[in-house]
mmCIF file of all heavy atoms, coordinates in Angstrom:
data_MODEL
# 
_entry.id   MODEL 
# 
loop_
_atom_site.group_PDB 
_atom_site.id 
_atom_site.type_symbol 
_atom_site.label_atom_id 
_atom_site.label_alt_id 
_atom_site.label_comp_id 
_atom_site.label_asym_id 
_atom_site.label_entity_id 
_atom_site.label_seq_id 
_atom_site.pdbx_PDB_ins_code 
_atom_site.Cartn_x 
_atom_site.Cartn_y 
_atom_site.Cartn_z 
_atom_site.occupancy 
_atom_site.B_iso_or_equiv 
_atom_site.pdbx_formal_charge 
_atom_site.auth_seq_id 
_atom_site.auth_comp_id 
_atom_site.auth_asym_id 
_atom_site.auth_atom_id 
_atom_site.pdbx_PDB_model_num 
ATOM 1   N N   . GLY A 1 1  ? -16.718 37.431 -128.946 1.00 0.00 ? 1  GLY A N   1 
ATOM 2   C CA  . GLY A 1 1  ? -16.295 37.041 -127.612 1.00 0.00 ? 1  GLY A CA  1 
ATOM 3   C C   . GLY A 1 1  ? -17.227 36.054 -126.939 1.00 0.00 ? 1  GLY A C   1 
ATOM 4   O O   . GLY A 1 1  ? -16.880 35.483 -125.897 1.00 0.00 ? 1  GLY A O   1 
ATOM 5   N N   . GLY A 1 2  ? -18.380 35.864 -127.536 1.00 0.00 ? 2  GLY A N   1 
ATOM 6   C CA  . GLY A 1 2  ? -19.367 34.961 -126.957 1.00 0.00 ? 2  GLY A CA  1 
ATOM 7   C C   . GLY A 1 2  ? -19.130 33.507 -127.326 1.00 0.00 ? 2  GLY A C   1 
ATOM 8   O O   . GLY A 1 2  ? -18.129 33.159 -127.964 1.00 0.00 ? 2  GLY A O   1 
ATOM 9   N N   . SER A 1 3  ? -20.078 32.677 -126.916 1.00 0.00 ? 3  SER A N   1 
ATOM 10  C CA  . SER A 1 3  ? -19.975 31.233 -127.128 1.00 0.00 ? 3  SER A CA  1 
ATOM 11  C C   . SER A 1 3  ? -21.270 30.673 -127.712 1.00 0.00 ? 3  SER A C   1 
ATOM 12  O O   . SER A 1 3  ? -22.351 31.240 -127.501 1.00 0.00 ? 3  SER A O   1 
ATOM 13  C CB  . SER A 1 3  ? -19.682 30.521 -125.807 1.00 0.00 ? 3  SER A CB  1 
ATOM 14  O OG  . SER A 1 3  ? -18.463 30.959 -125.251 1.00 0.00 ? 3  SER A OG  1 
ATOM 15  N N   . LEU A 1 4  ? -21.115 29.587 -128.419 1.00 0.00 ? 4  LEU A N   1 
ATOM 16  C CA  . LEU A 1 4  ? -22.251 28.818 -128.920 1.00 0.00 ? 4  LEU A CA  1 
ATOM 17  C C   . LEU A 1 4  ? -21.876 27.352 -128.902 1.00 0.00 ? 4  LEU A C   1 
ATOM 18  O O   . LEU A 1 4  ? -20.691 27.002 -129.028 1.00 0.00 ? 4  LEU A O   1 
ATOM 19  C CB  . LEU A 1 4  ? -22.603 29.215 -130.363 1.00 0.00 ? 4  LEU A CB  1 
ATOM 20  C CG  . LEU A 1 4  ? -23.457 30.450 -130.619 1.00 0.00 ? 4  LEU A CG  1 
ATOM 21  C CD1 . LEU A 1 4  ? -23.587 30.678 -132.117 1.00 0.00 ? 4  LEU A CD1 1 
ATOM 22  C CD2 . LEU A 1 4  ? -24.810 30.343 -129.969 1.00 0.00 ? 4  LEU A CD2 1 
ATOM 23  N N   . ARG A 1 5  ? -22.875 26.503 -128.787 1.00 0.00 ? 5  ARG A N   1 
ATOM 24  C CA  . ARG A 1 5  ? -22.658 25.065 -128.868 1.00 0.00 ? 5  ARG A CA  1 
ATOM 25  C C   . ARG A 1 5  ? -23.545 24.501 -129.966 1.00 0.00 ? 5  ARG A C   1 
ATOM 26  O O   . ARG A 1 5  ? -24.769 24.603 -129.890 1.00 0.00 ? 5  ARG A O   1 
ATOM 27  C CB  . ARG A 1 5  ? -22.992 24.389 -127.546 1.00 0.00 ? 5  ARG A CB  1 
ATOM 28  C CG  . ARG A 1 5  ? -22.609 22.912 -127.496 1.00 0.00 ? 5  ARG A CG  1 
ATOM 29  C CD  . ARG A 1 5  ? -23.298 22.243 -126.341 1.00 0.00 ? 5  ARG A CD  1 
ATOM 30  N NE  . ARG A 1 5  ? -22.722 20.951 -125.998 1.00 0.00 ? 5  ARG A NE  1 
ATOM 31  C CZ  . ARG A 1 5  ? -23.393 19.990 -125.373 1.00 0.00 ? 5  ARG A CZ  1 
ATOM 32  N NH1 . ARG A 1 5  ? -24.654 20.185 -125.034 1.00 0.00 ? 5  ARG A NH1 1 
ATOM 33  N NH2 . ARG A 1 5  ? -22.793 18.847 -125.085 1.00 0.00 ? 5  ARG A NH2 1 
ATOM 34  N N   . LEU A 1 6  ? -22.896 23.931 -130.953 1.00 0.00 ? 6  LEU A N   1 
ATOM 35  C CA  . LEU A 1 6  ? -23.626 23.283 -132.030 1.00 0.00 ? 6  LEU A CA  1 
ATOM 36  C C   . LEU A 1 6  ? -23.756 21.799 -131.751 1.00 0.00 ? 6  LEU A C   1 
ATOM 37  O O   . LEU A 1 6  ? -22.865 21.192 -131.143 1.00 0.00 ? 6  LEU A O   1 
ATOM 38  C CB  . LEU A 1 6  ? -22.903 23.479 -133.366 1.00 0.00 ? 6  LEU A CB  1 
ATOM 39  C CG  . LEU A 1 6  ? -22.582 24.908 -133.785 1.00 0.00 ? 6  LEU A CG  1 
ATOM 40  C CD1 . LEU A 1 6  ? -21.937 24.915 -135.171 1.00 0.00 ? 6  LEU A CD1 1 
ATOM 41  C CD2 . LEU A 1 6  ? -23.802 25.782 -133.753 1.00 0.00 ? 6  LEU A CD2 1 
ATOM 42  N N   . SER A 1 7  ? -24.863 21.241 -132.211 1.00 0.00 ? 7  SER A N   1 
ATOM 43  C CA  . SER A 1 7  ? -25.080 19.802 -132.095 1.00 0.00 ? 7  SER A CA  1 
ATOM 44  C C   . SER A 1 7  ? -25.393 19.234 -133.466 1.00 0.00 ? 7  SER A C   1 
ATOM 45  O O   . SER A 1 7  ? -25.961 19.918 -134.320 1.00 0.00 ? 7  SER A O   1 
ATOM 46  C CB  . SER A 1 7  ? -26.252 19.506 -131.159 1.00 0.00 ? 7  SER A CB  1 
ATOM 47  O OG  . SER A 1 7  ? -26.019 19.995 -129.871 1.00 0.00 ? 7  SER A OG  1 
ATOM 48  N N   . CYS A 1 8  ? -25.024 17.988 -133.655 1.00 0.00 ? 8  CYS A N   1 
ATOM 49  C CA  . CYS A 1 8  ? -25.342 17.272 -134.886 1.00 0.00 ? 8  CYS A CA  1 
ATOM 50  C C   . CYS A 1 8  ? -25.849 15.898 -134.491 1.00 0.00 ? 8  CYS A C   1 
ATOM 51  O O   . CYS A 1 8  ? -25.078 15.084 -133.973 1.00 0.00 ? 8  CYS A O   1 
ATOM 52  C CB  . CYS A 1 8  ? -24.117 17.159 -135.778 1.00 0.00 ? 8  CYS A CB  1 
ATOM 53  S SG  . CYS A 1 8  ? -24.348 16.090 -137.215 1.00 0.00 ? 8  CYS A SG  1 
ATOM 54  N N   . ALA A 1 9  ? -27.117 15.669 -134.735 1.00 0.00 ? 9  ALA A N   1 
ATOM 55  C CA  . ALA A 1 9  ? -27.729 14.389 -134.407 1.00 0.00 ? 9  ALA A CA  1 
ATOM 56  C C   . ALA A 1 9  ? -27.814 13.546 -135.674 1.00 0.00 ? 9  ALA A C   1 
ATOM 57  O O   . ALA A 1 9  ? -28.335 14.004 -136.702 1.00 0.00 ? 9  ALA A O   1 
ATOM 58  C CB  . ALA A 1 9  ? -29.115 14.607 -133.828 1.00 0.00 ? 9  ALA A CB  1 
ATOM 59  N N   . ALA A 1 10 ? -27.303 12.325 -135.585 1.00 0.00 ? 10 ALA A N   1 
ATOM 60  C CA  . ALA A 1 10 ? -27.305 11.423 -136.734 1.00 0.00 ? 10 ALA A CA  1 
ATOM 61  C C   . ALA A 1 10 ? -28.404 10.376 -136.587 1.00 0.00 ? 10 ALA A C   1 
ATOM 62  O O   . ALA A 1 10 ? -28.737 9.963  -135.472 1.00 0.00 ? 10 ALA A O   1 
ATOM 63  C CB  . ALA A 1 10 ? -25.955 10.740 -136.863 1.00 0.00 ? 10 ALA A CB  1 
ATOM 64  N N   . SER A 1 11 ? -28.933 9.952  -137.707 1.00 0.00 ? 11 SER A N   1 
ATOM 65  C CA  . SER A 1 11 ? -30.010 8.950  -137.702 1.00 0.00 ? 11 SER A CA  1 
ATOM 66  C C   . SER A 1 11 ? -29.451 7.526  -137.654 1.00 0.00 ? 11 SER A C   1 
ATOM 67  O O   . SER A 1 11 ? -30.222 6.566  -137.594 1.00 0.00 ? 11 SER A O   1 
ATOM 68  C CB  . SER A 1 11 ? -30.877 9.110  -138.959 1.00 0.00 ? 11 SER A CB  1 
ATOM 69  O OG  . SER A 1 11 ? -30.091 8.905  -140.132 1.00 0.00 ? 11 SER A OG  1 
ATOM 70  N N   . VAL A 1 12 ? -28.127 7.409  -137.699 1.00 0.00 ? 12 VAL A N   1 
ATOM 71  C CA  . VAL A 1 12 ? -27.473 6.114  -137.672 1.00 0.00 ? 12 VAL A CA  1 
ATOM 72  C C   . VAL A 1 12 ? -26.330 6.152  -136.665 1.00 0.00 ? 12 VAL A C   1 
ATOM 73  O O   . VAL A 1 12 ? -25.970 7.222  -136.158 1.00 0.00 ? 12 VAL A O   1 
ATOM 74  C CB  . VAL A 1 12 ? -26.915 5.746  -139.062 1.00 0.00 ? 12 VAL A CB  1 
ATOM 75  C CG1 . VAL A 1 12 ? -28.036 5.613  -140.069 1.00 0.00 ? 12 VAL A CG1 1 
ATOM 76  C CG2 . VAL A 1 12 ? -25.881 6.773  -139.517 1.00 0.00 ? 12 VAL A CG2 1 
ATOM 77  N N   . SER A 1 13 ? -25.764 4.985  -136.430 1.00 0.00 ? 13 SER A N   1 
ATOM 78  C CA  . SER A 1 13 ? -24.589 4.937  -135.568 1.00 0.00 ? 13 SER A CA  1 
ATOM 79  C C   . SER A 1 13 ? -23.467 5.777  -136.173 1.00 0.00 ? 13 SER A C   1 
ATOM 80  O O   . SER A 1 13 ? -23.247 5.763  -137.380 1.00 0.00 ? 13 SER A O   1 
ATOM 81  C CB  . SER A 1 13 ? -24.109 3.501  -135.432 1.00 0.00 ? 13 SER A CB  1 
ATOM 82  O OG  . SER A 1 13 ? -22.836 3.452  -134.818 1.00 0.00 ? 13 SER A OG  1 
ATOM 83  N N   . ILE A 1 14 ? -22.773 6.515  -135.313 1.00 0.00 ? 14 ILE A N   1 
ATOM 84  C CA  . ILE A 1 14 ? -21.691 7.370  -135.805 1.00 0.00 ? 14 ILE A CA  1 
ATOM 85  C C   . ILE A 1 14 ? -20.347 6.680  -135.646 1.00 0.00 ? 14 ILE A C   1 
ATOM 86  O O   . ILE A 1 14 ? -19.361 7.283  -135.226 1.00 0.00 ? 14 ILE A O   1 
ATOM 87  C CB  . ILE A 1 14 ? -21.709 8.757  -135.135 1.00 0.00 ? 14 ILE A CB  1 
ATOM 88  C CG1 . ILE A 1 14 ? -21.676 8.645  -133.610 1.00 0.00 ? 14 ILE A CG1 1 
ATOM 89  C CG2 . ILE A 1 14 ? -22.913 9.553  -135.593 1.00 0.00 ? 14 ILE A CG2 1 
ATOM 90  C CD1 . ILE A 1 14 ? -21.498 10.000 -132.912 1.00 0.00 ? 14 ILE A CD1 1 
ATOM 91  N N   . PHE A 1 15 ? -20.308 5.410  -136.042 1.00 0.00 ? 15 PHE A N   1 
ATOM 92  C CA  . PHE A 1 15 ? -19.039 4.682  -136.031 1.00 0.00 ? 15 PHE A CA  1 
ATOM 93  C C   . PHE A 1 15 ? -18.258 5.115  -137.260 1.00 0.00 ? 15 PHE A C   1 
ATOM 94  O O   . PHE A 1 15 ? -18.073 4.377  -138.227 1.00 0.00 ? 15 PHE A O   1 
ATOM 95  C CB  . PHE A 1 15 ? -19.286 3.180  -136.062 1.00 0.00 ? 15 PHE A CB  1 
ATOM 96  C CG  . PHE A 1 15 ? -18.023 2.367  -135.928 1.00 0.00 ? 15 PHE A CG  1 
ATOM 97  C CD1 . PHE A 1 15 ? -17.321 2.347  -134.742 1.00 0.00 ? 15 PHE A CD1 1 
ATOM 98  C CD2 . PHE A 1 15 ? -17.535 1.637  -137.003 1.00 0.00 ? 15 PHE A CD2 1 
ATOM 99  C CE1 . PHE A 1 15 ? -16.149 1.612  -134.615 1.00 0.00 ? 15 PHE A CE1 1 
ATOM 100 C CE2 . PHE A 1 15 ? -16.364 0.900  -136.891 1.00 0.00 ? 15 PHE A CE2 1 
ATOM 101 C CZ  . PHE A 1 15 ? -15.677 0.883  -135.697 1.00 0.00 ? 15 PHE A CZ  1 
ATOM 102 N N   . SER A 1 16 ? -17.803 6.368  -137.207 1.00 0.00 ? 16 SER A N   1 
ATOM 103 C CA  . SER A 1 16 ? -17.240 7.041  -138.369 1.00 0.00 ? 16 SER A CA  1 
ATOM 104 C C   . SER A 1 16 ? -16.420 8.219  -137.881 1.00 0.00 ? 16 SER A C   1 
ATOM 105 O O   . SER A 1 16 ? -16.431 8.540  -136.703 1.00 0.00 ? 16 SER A O   1 
ATOM 106 C CB  . SER A 1 16 ? -18.370 7.585  -139.256 1.00 0.00 ? 16 SER A CB  1 
ATOM 107 O OG  . SER A 1 16 ? -19.346 6.602  -139.532 1.00 0.00 ? 16 SER A OG  1 
ATOM 108 N N   . ILE A 1 17 ? -15.769 8.852  -138.829 1.00 0.00 ? 17 ILE A N   1 
ATOM 109 C CA  . ILE A 1 17 ? -15.158 10.145 -138.537 1.00 0.00 ? 17 ILE A CA  1 
ATOM 110 C C   . ILE A 1 17 ? -16.250 11.197 -138.660 1.00 0.00 ? 17 ILE A C   1 
ATOM 111 O O   . ILE A 1 17 ? -16.951 11.261 -139.673 1.00 0.00 ? 17 ILE A O   1 
ATOM 112 C CB  . ILE A 1 17 ? -14.012 10.438 -139.512 1.00 0.00 ? 17 ILE A CB  1 
ATOM 113 C CG1 . ILE A 1 17 ? -12.876 9.439  -139.310 1.00 0.00 ? 17 ILE A CG1 1 
ATOM 114 C CG2 . ILE A 1 17 ? -13.515 11.871 -139.336 1.00 0.00 ? 17 ILE A CG2 1 
ATOM 115 C CD1 . ILE A 1 17 ? -11.759 9.553  -140.318 1.00 0.00 ? 17 ILE A CD1 1 
ATOM 116 N N   . MET A 1 18 ? -16.398 11.995 -137.635 1.00 0.00 ? 18 MET A N   1 
ATOM 117 C CA  . MET A 1 18 ? -17.394 13.061 -137.638 1.00 0.00 ? 18 MET A CA  1 
ATOM 118 C C   . MET A 1 18 ? -16.658 14.398 -137.701 1.00 0.00 ? 18 MET A C   1 
ATOM 119 O O   . MET A 1 18 ? -15.684 14.612 -136.978 1.00 0.00 ? 18 MET A O   1 
ATOM 120 C CB  . MET A 1 18 ? -18.242 13.008 -136.372 1.00 0.00 ? 18 MET A CB  1 
ATOM 121 C CG  . MET A 1 18 ? -19.016 11.726 -136.207 1.00 0.00 ? 18 MET A CG  1 
ATOM 122 S SD  . MET A 1 18 ? -20.219 11.445 -137.518 1.00 0.00 ? 18 MET A SD  1 
ATOM 123 C CE  . MET A 1 18 ? -21.272 12.883 -137.338 1.00 0.00 ? 18 MET A CE  1 
ATOM 124 N N   . GLY A 1 19 ? -17.149 15.269 -138.549 1.00 0.00 ? 19 GLY A N   1 
ATOM 125 C CA  . GLY A 1 19 ? -16.479 16.544 -138.701 1.00 0.00 ? 19 GLY A CA  1 
ATOM 126 C C   . GLY A 1 19 ? -17.447 17.704 -138.791 1.00 0.00 ? 19 GLY A C   1 
ATOM 127 O O   . GLY A 1 19 ? -18.645 17.527 -139.019 1.00 0.00 ? 19 GLY A O   1 
ATOM 128 N N   . TRP A 1 20 ? -16.899 18.882 -138.572 1.00 0.00 ? 20 TRP A N   1 
ATOM 129 C CA  . TRP A 1 20 ? -17.619 20.128 -138.780 1.00 0.00 ? 20 TRP A CA  1 
ATOM 130 C C   . TRP A 1 20 ? -16.859 20.930 -139.842 1.00 0.00 ? 20 TRP A C   1 
ATOM 131 O O   . TRP A 1 20 ? -15.636 21.090 -139.752 1.00 0.00 ? 20 TRP A O   1 
ATOM 132 C CB  . TRP A 1 20 ? -17.709 20.949 -137.492 1.00 0.00 ? 20 TRP A CB  1 
ATOM 133 C CG  . TRP A 1 20 ? -18.653 20.405 -136.482 1.00 0.00 ? 20 TRP A CG  1 
ATOM 134 C CD1 . TRP A 1 20 ? -18.355 19.608 -135.413 1.00 0.00 ? 20 TRP A CD1 1 
ATOM 135 C CD2 . TRP A 1 20 ? -20.068 20.637 -136.430 1.00 0.00 ? 20 TRP A CD2 1 
ATOM 136 N NE1 . TRP A 1 20 ? -19.492 19.321 -134.712 1.00 0.00 ? 20 TRP A NE1 1 
ATOM 137 C CE2 . TRP A 1 20 ? -20.564 19.937 -135.318 1.00 0.00 ? 20 TRP A CE2 1 
ATOM 138 C CE3 . TRP A 1 20 ? -20.965 21.363 -137.218 1.00 0.00 ? 20 TRP A CE3 1 
ATOM 139 C CZ2 . TRP A 1 20 ? -21.910 19.945 -134.963 1.00 0.00 ? 20 TRP A CZ2 1 
ATOM 140 C CZ3 . TRP A 1 20 ? -22.303 21.368 -136.875 1.00 0.00 ? 20 TRP A CZ3 1 
ATOM 141 C CH2 . TRP A 1 20 ? -22.771 20.661 -135.760 1.00 0.00 ? 20 TRP A CH2 1 
ATOM 142 N N   . TYR A 1 21 ? -17.603 21.400 -140.812 1.00 0.00 ? 21 TYR A N   1 
ATOM 143 C CA  . TYR A 1 21 ? -17.080 22.281 -141.844 1.00 0.00 ? 21 TYR A CA  1 
ATOM 144 C C   . TYR A 1 21 ? -17.856 23.589 -141.760 1.00 0.00 ? 21 TYR A C   1 
ATOM 145 O O   . TYR A 1 21 ? -18.930 23.648 -141.156 1.00 0.00 ? 21 TYR A O   1 
ATOM 146 C CB  . TYR A 1 21 ? -17.275 21.676 -143.235 1.00 0.00 ? 21 TYR A CB  1 
ATOM 147 C CG  . TYR A 1 21 ? -16.388 20.495 -143.545 1.00 0.00 ? 21 TYR A CG  1 
ATOM 148 C CD1 . TYR A 1 21 ? -16.580 19.271 -142.918 1.00 0.00 ? 21 TYR A CD1 1 
ATOM 149 C CD2 . TYR A 1 21 ? -15.368 20.597 -144.482 1.00 0.00 ? 21 TYR A CD2 1 
ATOM 150 C CE1 . TYR A 1 21 ? -15.762 18.177 -143.204 1.00 0.00 ? 21 TYR A CE1 1 
ATOM 151 C CE2 . TYR A 1 21 ? -14.552 19.517 -144.794 1.00 0.00 ? 21 TYR A CE2 1 
ATOM 152 C CZ  . TYR A 1 21 ? -14.757 18.316 -144.146 1.00 0.00 ? 21 TYR A CZ  1 
ATOM 153 O OH  . TYR A 1 21 ? -13.949 17.243 -144.448 1.00 0.00 ? 21 TYR A OH  1 
ATOM 154 N N   . ARG A 1 22 ? -17.318 24.602 -142.405 1.00 0.00 ? 22 ARG A N   1 
ATOM 155 C CA  . ARG A 1 22 ? -18.060 25.867 -142.463 1.00 0.00 ? 22 ARG A CA  1 
ATOM 156 C C   . ARG A 1 22 ? -17.829 26.534 -143.818 1.00 0.00 ? 22 ARG A C   1 
ATOM 157 O O   . ARG A 1 22 ? -16.802 26.324 -144.468 1.00 0.00 ? 22 ARG A O   1 
ATOM 158 C CB  . ARG A 1 22 ? -17.655 26.814 -141.339 1.00 0.00 ? 22 ARG A CB  1 
ATOM 159 C CG  . ARG A 1 22 ? -16.237 27.335 -141.406 1.00 0.00 ? 22 ARG A CG  1 
ATOM 160 C CD  . ARG A 1 22 ? -15.920 28.160 -140.157 1.00 0.00 ? 22 ARG A CD  1 
ATOM 161 N NE  . ARG A 1 22 ? -14.567 28.698 -140.178 1.00 0.00 ? 22 ARG A NE  1 
ATOM 162 C CZ  . ARG A 1 22 ? -14.003 29.339 -139.154 1.00 0.00 ? 22 ARG A CZ  1 
ATOM 163 N NH1 . ARG A 1 22 ? -14.689 29.509 -138.016 1.00 0.00 ? 22 ARG A NH1 1 
ATOM 164 N NH2 . ARG A 1 22 ? -12.779 29.819 -139.253 1.00 0.00 ? 22 ARG A NH2 1 
ATOM 165 N N   . GLN A 1 23 ? -18.806 27.332 -144.194 1.00 0.00 ? 23 GLN A N   1 
ATOM 166 C CA  . GLN A 1 23 ? -18.709 28.070 -145.441 1.00 0.00 ? 23 GLN A CA  1 
ATOM 167 C C   . GLN A 1 23 ? -19.206 29.483 -145.213 1.00 0.00 ? 23 GLN A C   1 
ATOM 168 O O   . GLN A 1 23 ? -20.384 29.697 -144.908 1.00 0.00 ? 23 GLN A O   1 
ATOM 169 C CB  . GLN A 1 23 ? -19.508 27.394 -146.556 1.00 0.00 ? 23 GLN A CB  1 
ATOM 170 C CG  . GLN A 1 23 ? -19.310 28.026 -147.906 1.00 0.00 ? 23 GLN A CG  1 
ATOM 171 C CD  . GLN A 1 23 ? -19.843 27.165 -149.040 1.00 0.00 ? 23 GLN A CD  1 
ATOM 172 O OE1 . GLN A 1 23 ? -20.652 26.265 -148.824 1.00 0.00 ? 23 GLN A OE1 1 
ATOM 173 N NE2 . GLN A 1 23 ? -19.378 27.426 -150.260 1.00 0.00 ? 23 GLN A NE2 1 
ATOM 174 N N   . ALA A 1 24 ? -18.293 30.418 -145.340 1.00 0.00 ? 24 ALA A N   1 
ATOM 175 C CA  . ALA A 1 24 ? -18.640 31.826 -145.205 1.00 0.00 ? 24 ALA A CA  1 
ATOM 176 C C   . ALA A 1 24 ? -19.101 32.350 -146.565 1.00 0.00 ? 24 ALA A C   1 
ATOM 177 O O   . ALA A 1 24 ? -18.762 31.778 -147.606 1.00 0.00 ? 24 ALA A O   1 
ATOM 178 C CB  . ALA A 1 24 ? -17.429 32.612 -144.712 1.00 0.00 ? 24 ALA A CB  1 
ATOM 179 N N   . PRO A 1 25 ? -19.846 33.437 -146.564 1.00 0.00 ? 25 PRO A N   1 
ATOM 180 C CA  . PRO A 1 25 ? -20.330 34.001 -147.835 1.00 0.00 ? 25 PRO A CA  1 
ATOM 181 C C   . PRO A 1 25 ? -19.179 34.290 -148.790 1.00 0.00 ? 25 PRO A C   1 
ATOM 182 O O   . PRO A 1 25 ? -18.189 34.921 -148.419 1.00 0.00 ? 25 PRO A O   1 
ATOM 183 C CB  . PRO A 1 25 ? -21.017 35.295 -147.396 1.00 0.00 ? 25 PRO A CB  1 
ATOM 184 C CG  . PRO A 1 25 ? -21.436 35.038 -145.986 1.00 0.00 ? 25 PRO A CG  1 
ATOM 185 C CD  . PRO A 1 25 ? -20.359 34.174 -145.408 1.00 0.00 ? 25 PRO A CD  1 
ATOM 186 N N   . GLY A 1 26 ? -19.300 33.783 -150.004 1.00 0.00 ? 26 GLY A N   1 
ATOM 187 C CA  . GLY A 1 26 ? -18.292 34.031 -151.016 1.00 0.00 ? 26 GLY A CA  1 
ATOM 188 C C   . GLY A 1 26 ? -17.025 33.221 -150.879 1.00 0.00 ? 26 GLY A C   1 
ATOM 189 O O   . GLY A 1 26 ? -16.061 33.448 -151.616 1.00 0.00 ? 26 GLY A O   1 
ATOM 190 N N   . LYS A 1 27 ? -17.019 32.289 -149.941 1.00 0.00 ? 27 LYS A N   1 
ATOM 191 C CA  . LYS A 1 27 ? -15.811 31.493 -149.714 1.00 0.00 ? 27 LYS A CA  1 
ATOM 192 C C   . LYS A 1 27 ? -16.102 30.013 -149.891 1.00 0.00 ? 27 LYS A C   1 
ATOM 193 O O   . LYS A 1 27 ? -17.246 29.579 -149.878 1.00 0.00 ? 27 LYS A O   1 
ATOM 194 C CB  . LYS A 1 27 ? -15.243 31.753 -148.319 1.00 0.00 ? 27 LYS A CB  1 
ATOM 195 C CG  . LYS A 1 27 ? -14.745 33.177 -148.111 1.00 0.00 ? 27 LYS A CG  1 
ATOM 196 C CD  . LYS A 1 27 ? -14.010 33.304 -146.803 1.00 0.00 ? 27 LYS A CD  1 
ATOM 197 C CE  . LYS A 1 27 ? -13.425 34.689 -146.627 1.00 0.00 ? 27 LYS A CE  1 
ATOM 198 N NZ  . LYS A 1 27 ? -12.672 34.836 -145.347 1.00 0.00 ? 27 LYS A NZ  1 
# 
């Protein structure tokens, strides 16, 4: 029920598609 905010800082310009993926244990 809680919240979190993730950040992703890039070392270059992000003139790109940016995405978030996830991997759970065993998946």
